[in-house]
Structures are given as C-alpha cells and as structure tokens.
C-alpha cells in the first residue's frame, strides 16, 4: 500500500490516493487486532 501511494504521488494522481489509504488502514487494523488476539491466547495457555 505504501508503494501504491508513493507511485500515485510521483505520477501526480493525487485524487486516487484515497483507495490505497483506506485499504492500508484496514490492513493495519486487521494485523493489529490479530496480534492482540494471538497474544491473549498465548497468555491463556501459559
């Protein structure tokens, strides 16, 4: 997503940056939530 945003900025396509920004934010949120979920499961096993 960072590469897509950078490429659009270099090409001057600033009106299409919204899509990669939204998808990147969703991806980051999913990774964060999954890491929180797995860390709580590790604590339950210990």
C-alpha atoms as a PDB file:
ATOM      1  CA  UNK A   1       0.000   0.000   0.000  1.00  0.00           C
ATOM      2  CA  UNK A   2       2.863   2.384   0.754  1.00  0.00           C
ATOM      3  CA  UNK A   3       4.298   1.700  -2.697  1.00  0.00           C
ATOM      4  CA  UNK A   4       0.960   2.354  -4.362  1.00  0.00           C
ATOM      5  CA  UNK A   5       0.567   5.654  -2.537  1.00  0.00           C
ATOM      6  CA  UNK A   6       4.123   6.684  -3.409  1.00  0.00           C
ATOM      7  CA  UNK A   7       3.674   5.784  -7.072  1.00  0.00           C
ATOM      8  CA  UNK A   8       0.451   7.778  -7.313  1.00  0.00           C
ATOM      9  CA  UNK A   9       2.109  10.762  -5.645  1.00  0.00           C
ATOM     10  CA  UNK A  10       5.054  10.633  -8.047  1.00  0.00           C
ATOM     11  CA  UNK A  11       2.713  10.319 -11.040  1.00  0.00           C
ATOM     12  CA  UNK A  12       0.594  13.225  -9.802  1.00  0.00           C
ATOM     13  CA  UNK A  13      -2.581  11.135  -9.403  1.00  0.00           C
ATOM     14  CA  UNK A  14      -3.499  12.607  -6.035  1.00  0.00           C
ATOM     15  CA  UNK A  15      -7.241  12.032  -6.492  1.00  0.00           C
ATOM     16  CA  UNK A  16      -6.811   8.227  -6.396  1.00  0.00           C
ATOM     17  CA  UNK A  17      -4.730   8.027  -3.195  1.00  0.00           C
ATOM     18  CA  UNK A  18      -7.885   7.556  -1.084  1.00  0.00           C
ATOM     19  CA  UNK A  19      -8.304   3.901  -2.054  1.00  0.00           C
ATOM     20  CA  UNK A  20      -4.837   2.746  -1.025  1.00  0.00           C
ATOM     21  CA  UNK A  21      -5.035   4.837   2.157  1.00  0.00           C
ATOM     22  CA  UNK A  22      -8.317   3.239   3.217  1.00  0.00           C
ATOM     23  CA  UNK A  23      -7.194  -0.283   2.333  1.00  0.00           C
ATOM     24  CA  UNK A  24      -3.867   0.249   4.094  1.00  0.00           C
ATOM     25  CA  UNK A  25      -5.652   1.432   7.232  1.00  0.00           C
ATOM     26  CA  UNK A  26      -7.947  -1.611   7.149  1.00  0.00           C
ATOM     27  CA  UNK A  27      -4.937  -3.906   6.679  1.00  0.00           C
ATOM     28  CA  UNK A  28      -3.118  -2.293   9.605  1.00  0.00           C
ATOM     29  CA  UNK A  29      -6.198  -2.614  11.824  1.00  0.00           C
ATOM     30  CA  UNK A  30      -6.623  -6.305  10.975  1.00  0.00           C
ATOM     31  CA  UNK A  31      -2.970  -7.054  11.692  1.00  0.00           C
ATOM     32  CA  UNK A  32      -3.171  -5.169  14.989  1.00  0.00           C
ATOM     33  CA  UNK A  33      -6.347  -6.939  16.072  1.00  0.00           C
ATOM     34  CA  UNK A  34      -4.981 -10.351  15.117  1.00  0.00           C
ATOM     35  CA  UNK A  35      -1.774  -9.701  17.044  1.00  0.00           C
ATOM     36  CA  UNK A  36      -3.811  -8.672  20.101  1.00  0.00           C
ATOM     37  CA  UNK A  37      -5.921 -11.836  19.786  1.00  0.00           C
ATOM     38  CA  UNK A  38      -2.920 -14.148  19.484  1.00  0.00           C
ATOM     39  CA  UNK A  39      -1.132 -12.532  22.437  1.00  0.00           C
ATOM     40  CA  UNK A  40      -4.150 -13.069  24.694  1.00  0.00           C
ATOM     41  CA  UNK A  41      -4.384 -16.714  23.616  1.00  0.00           C
ATOM     42  CA  UNK A  42      -0.693 -17.192  24.450  1.00  0.00           C
ATOM     43  CA  UNK A  43      -1.322 -15.887  27.954  1.00  0.00           C
ATOM     44  CA  UNK A  44      -4.212 -18.340  28.445  1.00  0.00           C
ATOM     45  CA  UNK A  45      -2.017 -21.318  27.506  1.00  0.00           C
ATOM     46  CA  UNK A  46       0.805 -20.350  29.893  1.00  0.00           C
END
